[in-house]
Amino acid sequence: MVHFVGAGCGAPDLITVRGQRLLEEADVIIYAGSLVNPALLEAKKDNCKVYNSAEMTLEEVIEAMQQAERAGLTTVRLHTGDPCLYGAVREQMDALEQLGISYDSCPGVSSLCGAAASLNLEYTLPGISQSVILTRMAGKTAVPEKESIESFAAHRATMVLFLSAGMPSELSARLIAGGYTSETPAAIVYKASWPEEEAQICTVGTLAETAERCGIHKTALILVGDAILHSNYRRSDLYNPAFETEYRKKAASFRNLPLQPQT
């Protein structure tokens, strides 16, 4: 059996309870050594065999899984964040299916969530943005033409960009060409939840300047959108005393709380 496990965004205590248990029980662990915090491996059994997939091809990863299966061993394939985002897991799963090897998935805390936590950020604010676009710039791996940065920027929703910190100048220009203004709030979050985490608030127009000043060129998320400054949003109806739900009646009288800084 192979368990695909999300390691979380960095801090070892941000792995799920299920993921931790699977790590503790694994006979074989294949982990993404270039991104996964090695402190997570402290949970393994003494006799557990560990592979670093950063040094392996897909074929070598599958061969290691197949050898473990022949020996009746349990394998954990440990991916950074949540494997469903840029995890290259589907090709592994397809190979396992062809070999008749059973597998399942254990979700993890994505860096998408870790970056928001580092800034105490809510991506979806009423009246500001109710959508979050997850994408990346084209690098060594191409992006479909229909998913260009410009086409997504036209929505001016909240955008979270993976694998793009090394191209801030180009990204800034394309975001502006698509519809964001140069003054649109932005943030660069380096290694969210790691001890060396760094979060910088800037604007779309100053992305490149900020990245260069802080020396951030990889292992970072770029966030874009008005939600980053959490100002001028409309109060949610969820807990509004003026709003009635199936669980709560509308209040006869109420006093609105000051929810945002006065400007």
C-alpha atoms as a PDB file:
ATOM      1  CA  MET A   1       0.000   0.000   0.000  1.00  0.00           C
ATOM      2  CA  VAL A   2       1.197   3.504  -0.854  1.00  0.00           C
ATOM      3  CA  HIS A   3      -0.037   6.546   1.064  1.00  0.00           C
ATOM      4  CA  PHE A   4       0.389   9.946  -0.582  1.00  0.00           C
ATOM      5  CA  VAL A   5       0.732  12.329   2.361  1.00  0.00           C
ATOM      6  CA  GLY A   6       0.729  16.120   2.415  1.00  0.00           C
ATOM      7  CA  ALA A   7       3.581  17.256   4.661  1.00  0.00           C
ATOM      8  CA  GLY A   8       2.093  20.697   5.199  1.00  0.00           C
ATOM      9  CA  CYS A   9       3.704  24.020   4.386  1.00  0.00           C
ATOM     10  CA  GLY A  10       6.804  23.674   6.529  1.00  0.00           C
ATOM     11  CA  ALA A  11       6.399  23.640  10.301  1.00  0.00           C
ATOM     12  CA  PRO A  12       6.540  19.984  11.407  1.00  0.00           C
ATOM     13  CA  ASP A  13       3.522  20.405  13.692  1.00  0.00           C
ATOM     14  CA  LEU A  14       1.352  21.486  10.754  1.00  0.00           C
ATOM     15  CA  ILE A  15       1.123  17.969   9.338  1.00  0.00           C
ATOM     16  CA  THR A  16      -2.289  16.376   9.948  1.00  0.00           C
ATOM     17  CA  VAL A  17      -2.823  13.863  12.734  1.00  0.00           C
ATOM     18  CA  ARG A  18      -3.462  11.202  10.088  1.00  0.00           C
ATOM     19  CA  GLY A  19      -0.338  12.135   8.176  1.00  0.00           C
ATOM     20  CA  GLN A  20       1.756  11.912  11.339  1.00  0.00           C
ATOM     21  CA  ARG A  21       0.356   8.463  12.124  1.00  0.00           C
ATOM     22  CA  LEU A  22       1.097   7.228   8.605  1.00  0.00           C
ATOM     23  CA  LEU A  23       4.686   8.504   8.887  1.00  0.00           C
ATOM     24  CA  GLU A  24       5.140   6.706  12.201  1.00  0.00           C
ATOM     25  CA  GLU A  25       3.848   3.427  10.735  1.00  0.00           C
ATOM     26  CA  ALA A  26       5.648   3.570   7.370  1.00  0.00           C
ATOM     27  CA  ASP A  27       8.254   0.991   6.385  1.00  0.00           C
ATOM     28  CA  VAL A  28       9.418   3.136   3.470  1.00  0.00           C
ATOM     29  CA  ILE A  29       9.284   6.937   3.104  1.00  0.00           C
ATOM     30  CA  ILE A  30       9.901   8.697  -0.192  1.00  0.00           C
ATOM     31  CA  TYR A  31       9.993  12.429   0.505  1.00  0.00           C
ATOM     32  CA  ALA A  32      10.508  15.554  -1.579  1.00  0.00           C
ATOM     33  CA  GLY A  33      13.833  16.522  -0.032  1.00  0.00           C
ATOM     34  CA  SER A  34      14.118  19.876  -1.815  1.00  0.00           C
ATOM     35  CA  LEU A  35      10.951  21.196  -0.165  1.00  0.00           C
ATOM     36  CA  VAL A  36       9.760  19.039   2.738  1.00  0.00           C
ATOM     37  CA  ASN A  37      11.068  19.936   6.193  1.00  0.00           C
ATOM     38  CA  PRO A  38      13.425  17.062   7.169  1.00  0.00           C
ATOM     39  CA  ALA A  39      12.308  17.462  10.792  1.00  0.00           C
ATOM     40  CA  LEU A  40       9.200  15.503   9.792  1.00  0.00           C
ATOM     41  CA  LEU A  41      11.346  12.401   9.362  1.00  0.00           C
ATOM     42  CA  GLU A  42      12.013  12.336  13.098  1.00  0.00           C
ATOM     43  CA  ALA A  43       8.676  10.529  13.444  1.00  0.00           C
ATOM     44  CA  LYS A  44       9.829   7.502  11.412  1.00  0.00           C
ATOM     45  CA  LYS A  45      10.585   4.046  12.776  1.00  0.00           C
ATOM     46  CA  ASP A  46      14.226   3.130  13.343  1.00  0.00           C
ATOM     47  CA  ASN A  47      14.165   0.539  10.570  1.00  0.00           C
ATOM     48  CA  CYS A  48      12.292   2.706   8.056  1.00  0.00           C
ATOM     49  CA  LYS A  49      14.023   3.107   4.686  1.00  0.00           C
ATOM     50  CA  VAL A  50      14.097   6.696   3.403  1.00  0.00           C
ATOM     51  CA  TYR A  51      14.476   7.936  -0.182  1.00  0.00           C
ATOM     52  CA  ASN A  52      14.938  11.552  -1.272  1.00  0.00           C
ATOM     53  CA  SER A  53      12.861  11.989  -4.425  1.00  0.00           C
ATOM     54  CA  ALA A  54      14.694  15.209  -5.331  1.00  0.00           C
ATOM     55  CA  GLU A  55      17.502  12.931  -6.531  1.00  0.00           C
ATOM     56  CA  MET A  56      15.217  10.456  -8.318  1.00  0.00           C
ATOM     57  CA  THR A  57      13.305  10.156 -11.583  1.00  0.00           C
ATOM     58  CA  LEU A  58       9.654   9.115 -11.732  1.00  0.00           C
ATOM     59  CA  GLU A  59      10.748   5.665 -12.837  1.00  0.00           C
ATOM     60  CA  GLU A  60      13.053   5.313  -9.831  1.00  0.00           C
ATOM     61  CA  VAL A  61      10.304   6.448  -7.450  1.00  0.00           C
ATOM     62  CA  ILE A  62       7.892   3.876  -8.868  1.00  0.00           C
ATOM     63  CA  GLU A  63      10.537   1.162  -8.704  1.00  0.00           C
ATOM     64  CA  ALA A  64      11.111   1.900  -4.998  1.00  0.00           C
ATOM     65  CA  MET A  65       7.361   1.667  -4.391  1.00  0.00           C
ATOM     66  CA  GLN A  66       7.154  -1.566  -6.353  1.00  0.00           C
ATOM     67  CA  GLN A  67      10.020  -3.142  -4.381  1.00  0.00           C
ATOM     68  CA  ALA A  68       8.327  -2.204  -1.116  1.00  0.00           C
ATOM     69  CA  GLU A  69       5.047  -3.681  -2.320  1.00  0.00           C
ATOM     70  CA  ARG A  70       6.722  -6.969  -3.281  1.00  0.00           C
ATOM     71  CA  ALA A  71       8.148  -7.154   0.242  1.00  0.00           C
ATOM     72  CA  GLY A  72       4.758  -6.496   1.820  1.00  0.00           C
ATOM     73  CA  LEU A  73       5.846  -3.099   3.147  1.00  0.00           C
ATOM     74  CA  THR A  74       3.885   0.140   3.553  1.00  0.00           C
ATOM     75  CA  THR A  75       5.146   3.227   1.722  1.00  0.00           C
ATOM     76  CA  VAL A  76       4.506   6.902   2.467  1.00  0.00           C
ATOM     77  CA  ARG A  77       5.092   9.254  -0.444  1.00  0.00           C
ATOM     78  CA  LEU A  78       5.599  12.549   1.400  1.00  0.00           C
ATOM     79  CA  HIS A  79       4.874  15.652  -0.647  1.00  0.00           C
ATOM     80  CA  THR A  80       5.175  19.287   0.328  1.00  0.00           C
ATOM     81  CA  GLY A  81       2.007  21.217   1.211  1.00  0.00           C
ATOM     82  CA  ASP A  82      -1.000  19.436  -0.205  1.00  0.00           C
ATOM     83  CA  PRO A  83      -0.190  16.993  -3.011  1.00  0.00           C
ATOM     84  CA  CYS A  84      -3.163  18.151  -5.093  1.00  0.00           C
ATOM     85  CA  LEU A  85      -1.375  21.433  -5.939  1.00  0.00           C
ATOM     86  CA  TYR A  86       1.695  21.173  -8.175  1.00  0.00           C
ATOM     87  CA  GLY A  87       2.493  17.813  -6.606  1.00  0.00           C
ATOM     88  CA  ALA A  88       3.032  15.758  -9.787  1.00  0.00           C
ATOM     89  CA  VAL A  89       1.063  12.984  -8.092  1.00  0.00           C
ATOM     90  CA  ARG A  90      -1.334  11.934 -10.844  1.00  0.00           C
ATOM     91  CA  GLU A  91       1.422  10.403 -12.951  1.00  0.00           C
ATOM     92  CA  GLN A  92       2.552   8.367  -9.946  1.00  0.00           C
ATOM     93  CA  MET A  93      -0.988   7.193  -9.261  1.00  0.00           C
ATOM     94  CA  ASP A  94      -1.497   6.176 -12.888  1.00  0.00           C
ATOM     95  CA  ALA A  95       1.719   4.128 -12.781  1.00  0.00           C
ATOM     96  CA  LEU A  96       0.616   2.421  -9.559  1.00  0.00           C
ATOM     97  CA  GLU A  97      -2.758   1.567 -11.085  1.00  0.00           C
ATOM     98  CA  GLN A  98      -1.021  -0.039 -14.045  1.00  0.00           C
ATOM     99  CA  LEU A  99       1.006  -2.134 -11.602  1.00  0.00           C
ATOM    100  CA  GLY A 100      -2.028  -3.064  -9.519  1.00  0.00           C
ATOM    101  CA  ILE A 101      -0.686  -1.333  -6.395  1.00  0.00           C
ATOM    102  CA  SER A 102      -3.242   0.207  -4.046  1.00  0.00           C
ATOM    103  CA  TYR A 103      -2.841   3.796  -2.869  1.00  0.00           C
ATOM    104  CA  ASP A 104      -4.720   6.563  -1.087  1.00  0.00           C
ATOM    105  CA  SER A 105      -4.258  10.264  -0.296  1.00  0.00           C
ATOM    106  CA  CYS A 106      -3.928  12.203   2.946  1.00  0.00           C
ATOM    107  CA  PRO A 107      -4.369  15.970   2.487  1.00  0.00           C
ATOM    108  CA  GLY A 108      -1.967  18.525   3.889  1.00  0.00           C
ATOM    109  CA  VAL A 109      -1.877  22.218   4.770  1.00  0.00           C
ATOM    110  CA  SER A 110      -0.983  24.042   1.568  1.00  0.00           C
ATOM    111  CA  SER A 111       1.443  26.967   1.530  1.00  0.00           C
ATOM    112  CA  LEU A 112      -1.618  28.819   0.237  1.00  0.00           C
ATOM    113  CA  CYS A 113      -2.967  28.554   3.791  1.00  0.00           C
ATOM    114  CA  GLY A 114       0.404  29.020   5.459  1.00  0.00           C
ATOM    115  CA  ALA A 115       0.963  32.314   3.629  1.00  0.00           C
ATOM    116  CA  ALA A 116      -2.463  33.583   4.669  1.00  0.00           C
ATOM    117  CA  ALA A 117      -1.749  32.620   8.273  1.00  0.00           C
ATOM    118  CA  SER A 118       1.572  34.487   8.272  1.00  0.00           C
ATOM    119  CA  LEU A 119      -0.305  37.673   7.342  1.00  0.00           C
ATOM    120  CA  ASN A 120      -3.496  36.931   9.338  1.00  0.00           C
ATOM    121  CA  LEU A 121      -5.174  37.210   5.970  1.00  0.00           C
ATOM    122  CA  GLU A 122      -8.634  36.294   4.706  1.00  0.00           C
ATOM    123  CA  TYR A 123      -8.523  35.876   0.941  1.00  0.00           C
ATOM    124  CA  THR A 124     -12.285  36.280   0.514  1.00  0.00           C
ATOM    125  CA  LEU A 125     -13.703  39.541   1.868  1.00  0.00           C
ATOM    126  CA  PRO A 126     -17.295  40.647   1.123  1.00  0.00           C
ATOM    127  CA  GLY A 127     -17.344  43.500  -1.358  1.00  0.00           C
ATOM    128  CA  ILE A 128     -13.643  43.030  -2.175  1.00  0.00           C
ATOM    129  CA  SER A 129     -13.089  39.514  -3.542  1.00  0.00           C
ATOM    130  CA  GLN A 130     -15.044  36.292  -3.348  1.00  0.00           C
ATOM    131  CA  SER A 131     -12.731  34.280  -5.574  1.00  0.00           C
ATOM    132  CA  VAL A 132      -9.152  33.064  -5.290  1.00  0.00           C
ATOM    133  CA  ILE A 133      -7.147  32.249  -8.424  1.00  0.00           C
ATOM    134  CA  LEU A 134      -4.292  29.776  -7.934  1.00  0.00           C
ATOM    135  CA  THR A 135      -1.796  29.767 -10.759  1.00  0.00           C
ATOM    136  CA  ARG A 136       1.870  30.164 -11.695  1.00  0.00           C
ATOM    137  CA  MET A 137       4.107  31.723 -14.285  1.00  0.00           C
ATOM    138  CA  ALA A 138       5.451  29.600 -17.107  1.00  0.00           C
ATOM    139  CA  GLY A 139       8.999  28.488 -16.390  1.00  0.00           C
ATOM    140  CA  LYS A 140      10.697  25.235 -17.325  1.00  0.00           C
ATOM    141  CA  THR A 141       7.183  23.800 -17.413  1.00  0.00           C
ATOM    142  CA  ALA A 142       4.793  25.560 -19.782  1.00  0.00           C
ATOM    143  CA  VAL A 143       1.365  26.923 -18.832  1.00  0.00           C
ATOM    144  CA  PRO A 144      -1.570  26.510 -21.247  1.00  0.00           C
ATOM    145  CA  GLU A 145      -2.063  29.672 -23.316  1.00  0.00           C
ATOM    146  CA  LYS A 146      -5.692  29.948 -22.188  1.00  0.00           C
ATOM    147  CA  GLU A 147      -4.435  30.280 -18.586  1.00  0.00           C
ATOM    148  CA  SER A 148      -2.266  33.345 -19.102  1.00  0.00           C
ATOM    149  CA  ILE A 149      -1.528  35.712 -16.217  1.00  0.00           C
ATOM    150  CA  GLU A 150      -3.187  38.508 -18.173  1.00  0.00           C
ATOM    151  CA  SER A 151      -6.464  36.605 -18.594  1.00  0.00           C
ATOM    152  CA  PHE A 152      -6.656  35.874 -14.863  1.00  0.00           C
ATOM    153  CA  ALA A 153      -5.625  39.404 -13.885  1.00  0.00           C
ATOM    154  CA  ALA A 154      -8.617  40.752 -15.809  1.00  0.00           C
ATOM    155  CA  HIS A 155     -10.870  39.440 -13.013  1.00  0.00           C
ATOM    156  CA  ARG A 156      -9.005  41.475 -10.354  1.00  0.00           C
ATOM    157  CA  ALA A 157      -9.857  38.791  -7.815  1.00  0.00           C
ATOM    158  CA  THR A 158      -7.405  37.596  -5.178  1.00  0.00           C
ATOM    159  CA  MET A 159      -4.553  35.761  -6.876  1.00  0.00           C
ATOM    160  CA  VAL A 160      -1.989  33.398  -5.352  1.00  0.00           C
ATOM    161  CA  LEU A 161       1.010  32.594  -7.524  1.00  0.00           C
ATOM    162  CA  PHE A 162       3.142  29.519  -6.931  1.00  0.00           C
ATOM    163  CA  LEU A 163       6.584  28.916  -8.438  1.00  0.00           C
ATOM    164  CA  SER A 164       6.876  32.500  -9.690  1.00  0.00           C
ATOM    165  CA  ALA A 165       9.110  34.312  -7.206  1.00  0.00           C
ATOM    166  CA  GLY A 166      12.069  34.157  -9.573  1.00  0.00           C
ATOM    167  CA  MET A 167      10.328  36.279 -12.220  1.00  0.00           C
ATOM    168  CA  PRO A 168       8.907  39.296 -10.337  1.00  0.00           C
ATOM    169  CA  SER A 169       9.582  41.907 -13.038  1.00  0.00           C
ATOM    170  CA  GLU A 170       7.835  39.945 -15.761  1.00  0.00           C
ATOM    171  CA  LEU A 171       5.030  38.994 -13.398  1.00  0.00           C
ATOM    172  CA  SER A 172       4.468  42.619 -12.393  1.00  0.00           C
ATOM    173  CA  ALA A 173       4.275  43.754 -16.017  1.00  0.00           C
ATOM    174  CA  ARG A 174       1.853  41.000 -16.962  1.00  0.00           C
ATOM    175  CA  LEU A 175      -0.406  41.592 -13.972  1.00  0.00           C
ATOM    176  CA  ILE A 176      -0.657  45.280 -14.887  1.00  0.00           C
ATOM    177  CA  ALA A 177      -1.218  44.479 -18.564  1.00  0.00           C
ATOM    178  CA  GLY A 178      -4.062  42.182 -17.555  1.00  0.00           C
ATOM    179  CA  GLY A 179      -5.989  44.564 -15.327  1.00  0.00           C
ATOM    180  CA  TYR A 180      -4.451  45.154 -11.902  1.00  0.00           C
ATOM    181  CA  THR A 181      -3.109  48.651 -11.269  1.00  0.00           C
ATOM    182  CA  SER A 182       0.486  49.189 -10.206  1.00  0.00           C
ATOM    183  CA  GLU A 183      -0.862  50.253  -6.788  1.00  0.00           C
ATOM    184  CA  THR A 184      -2.796  47.015  -6.223  1.00  0.00           C
ATOM    185  CA  PRO A 185      -1.659  45.479  -2.913  1.00  0.00           C
ATOM    186  CA  ALA A 186       0.657  42.480  -3.142  1.00  0.00           C
ATOM    187  CA  ALA A 187       2.728  40.361  -0.799  1.00  0.00           C
ATOM    188  CA  ILE A 188       5.711  38.043  -1.005  1.00  0.00           C
ATOM    189  CA  VAL A 189       5.736  35.265   1.581  1.00  0.00           C
ATOM    190  CA  TYR A 190       8.957  33.285   1.841  1.00  0.00           C
ATOM    191  CA  LYS A 191       8.866  29.823   3.443  1.00  0.00           C
ATOM    192  CA  ALA A 192       5.535  30.257   5.202  1.00  0.00           C
ATOM    193  CA  SER A 193       5.515  28.620   8.680  1.00  0.00           C
ATOM    194  CA  TRP A 194       9.266  27.790   8.617  1.00  0.00           C
ATOM    195  CA  PRO A 195      11.539  29.391  11.265  1.00  0.00           C
ATOM    196  CA  GLU A 196      13.018  31.596   8.515  1.00  0.00           C
ATOM    197  CA  GLU A 197       9.593  32.749   7.281  1.00  0.00           C
ATOM    198  CA  GLU A 198       9.515  36.274   5.867  1.00  0.00           C
ATOM    199  CA  ALA A 199       6.453  38.192   4.688  1.00  0.00           C
ATOM    200  CA  GLN A 200       6.679  41.467   2.790  1.00  0.00           C
ATOM    201  CA  ILE A 201       3.703  43.672   1.869  1.00  0.00           C
ATOM    202  CA  CYS A 202       4.203  45.696  -1.292  1.00  0.00           C
ATOM    203  CA  THR A 203       2.312  46.555  -4.470  1.00  0.00           C
ATOM    204  CA  VAL A 204       2.112  44.976  -7.897  1.00  0.00           C
ATOM    205  CA  GLY A 205       4.363  47.759  -9.166  1.00  0.00           C
ATOM    206  CA  THR A 206       7.035  47.165  -6.497  1.00  0.00           C
ATOM    207  CA  LEU A 207       7.145  43.352  -6.587  1.00  0.00           C
ATOM    208  CA  ALA A 208      10.543  43.183  -8.272  1.00  0.00           C
ATOM    209  CA  GLU A 209      12.075  45.912  -6.080  1.00  0.00           C
ATOM    210  CA  THR A 210      10.811  44.182  -2.919  1.00  0.00           C
ATOM    211  CA  ALA A 211      12.024  40.738  -3.982  1.00  0.00           C
ATOM    212  CA  GLU A 212      15.467  42.099  -4.843  1.00  0.00           C
ATOM    213  CA  ARG A 213      15.777  44.099  -1.625  1.00  0.00           C
ATOM    214  CA  CYS A 214      14.881  41.037   0.483  1.00  0.00           C
ATOM    215  CA  GLY A 215      16.847  38.568  -1.621  1.00  0.00           C
ATOM    216  CA  ILE A 216      13.796  36.386  -2.226  1.00  0.00           C
ATOM    217  CA  HIS A 217      13.990  34.489  -5.513  1.00  0.00           C
ATOM    218  CA  LYS A 218      12.433  31.098  -4.756  1.00  0.00           C
ATOM    219  CA  THR A 219      10.421  29.101  -2.193  1.00  0.00           C
ATOM    220  CA  ALA A 220       7.922  31.929  -1.892  1.00  0.00           C
ATOM    221  CA  LEU A 221       4.317  32.659  -2.785  1.00  0.00           C
ATOM    222  CA  ILE A 222       3.201  35.916  -4.343  1.00  0.00           C
ATOM    223  CA  LEU A 223      -0.219  37.185  -3.298  1.00  0.00           C
ATOM    224  CA  VAL A 224      -2.102  39.854  -5.226  1.00  0.00           C
ATOM    225  CA  GLY A 225      -5.343  41.707  -4.610  1.00  0.00           C
ATOM    226  CA  ASP A 226      -7.159  44.268  -2.505  1.00  0.00           C
ATOM    227  CA  ALA A 227      -7.978  41.649   0.158  1.00  0.00           C
ATOM    228  CA  ILE A 228      -4.344  41.799   1.306  1.00  0.00           C
ATOM    229  CA  LEU A 229      -4.883  45.140   3.081  1.00  0.00           C
ATOM    230  CA  HIS A 230      -8.176  43.925   4.642  1.00  0.00           C
ATOM    231  CA  SER A 231      -9.749  47.386   4.443  1.00  0.00           C
ATOM    232  CA  ASN A 232     -12.961  48.830   2.991  1.00  0.00           C
ATOM    233  CA  TYR A 233     -14.682  45.453   2.997  1.00  0.00           C
ATOM    234  CA  ARG A 234     -18.345  44.886   3.776  1.00  0.00           C
ATOM    235  CA  ARG A 235     -19.292  43.094   6.964  1.00  0.00           C
ATOM    236  CA  SER A 236     -20.212  39.450   6.475  1.00  0.00           C
ATOM    237  CA  ASP A 237     -23.877  38.519   6.832  1.00  0.00           C
ATOM    238  CA  LEU A 238     -22.964  35.316   8.642  1.00  0.00           C
ATOM    239  CA  TYR A 239     -22.934  36.855  12.128  1.00  0.00           C
ATOM    240  CA  ASN A 240     -24.729  40.113  11.382  1.00  0.00           C
ATOM    241  CA  PRO A 241     -27.581  40.707  13.859  1.00  0.00           C
ATOM    242  CA  ALA A 242     -29.561  42.296  11.040  1.00  0.00           C
ATOM    243  CA  PHE A 243     -29.429  39.055   9.063  1.00  0.00           C
ATOM    244  CA  GLU A 244     -31.699  36.074   9.724  1.00  0.00           C
ATOM    245  CA  THR A 245     -30.626  32.477   9.191  1.00  0.00           C
ATOM    246  CA  GLU A 246     -32.223  29.085   9.762  1.00  0.00           C
ATOM    247  CA  TYR A 247     -30.362  28.960  13.093  1.00  0.00           C
ATOM    248  CA  ARG A 248     -30.849  32.519  14.327  1.00  0.00           C
ATOM    249  CA  LYS A 249     -33.611  35.112  14.219  1.00  0.00           C
ATOM    250  CA  LYS A 250     -32.971  38.697  13.185  1.00  0.00           C
ATOM    251  CA  ALA A 251     -32.311  40.860  16.242  1.00  0.00           C
ATOM    252  CA  ALA A 252     -34.992  43.430  17.139  1.00  0.00           C
ATOM    253  CA  SER A 253     -32.286  45.987  17.917  1.00  0.00           C
ATOM    254  CA  PHE A 254     -28.515  45.924  17.760  1.00  0.00           C
ATOM    255  CA  ARG A 255     -25.364  48.032  17.809  1.00  0.00           C
ATOM    256  CA  ASN A 256     -22.889  47.653  14.985  1.00  0.00           C
ATOM    257  CA  LEU A 257     -19.313  46.999  16.059  1.00  0.00           C
ATOM    258  CA  PRO A 258     -16.487  49.073  14.522  1.00  0.00           C
ATOM    259  CA  LEU A 259     -14.855  46.310  12.467  1.00  0.00           C
ATOM    260  CA  GLN A 260     -12.269  48.318  10.548  1.00  0.00           C
ATOM    261  CA  PRO A 261      -9.795  51.072  11.371  1.00  0.00           C
ATOM    262  CA  GLN A 262     -11.227  54.520  10.864  1.00  0.00           C
ATOM    263  CA  THR A 263      -9.519  56.331   8.006  1.00  0.00           C
END
